[in-house]
Amino acid sequence: MAYVVFLKPAALRDLRKLSEDIRRRVVARIDALAGDPRPAGIERLHGEADLYRVRVGDSRIVYQVESKALVVLVVRVGHRREVYRRTR
């Protein structure tokens, strides 16, 4: 069963800041989350009970999964050194 993927406005702004080649890779990975929101290689963020992260090169996608509603909410997208600041 496929999930619906939503992006928070902050994640959409973060996505627009990325270079075109990195943006394409990140968008492809976000689209893949609709089919499998917990793929191999994800990690739950420490200190945050409901946030996960997935790597795309040096970029990270921080997101929530609402299994009952079949929703994936992308919270932040960005470089690994910046993405974990102000994730909520």
Foldseek 3Di string as FASTA:
>chain_A
DFAAEAEDPQAVVQLVPDDPVLSVQVVVVSVVCRVPVDDPQKDADPPDPFWIWHDDPQKIWIWGADPVRRYIYTQHIDGNVPTVPPSD
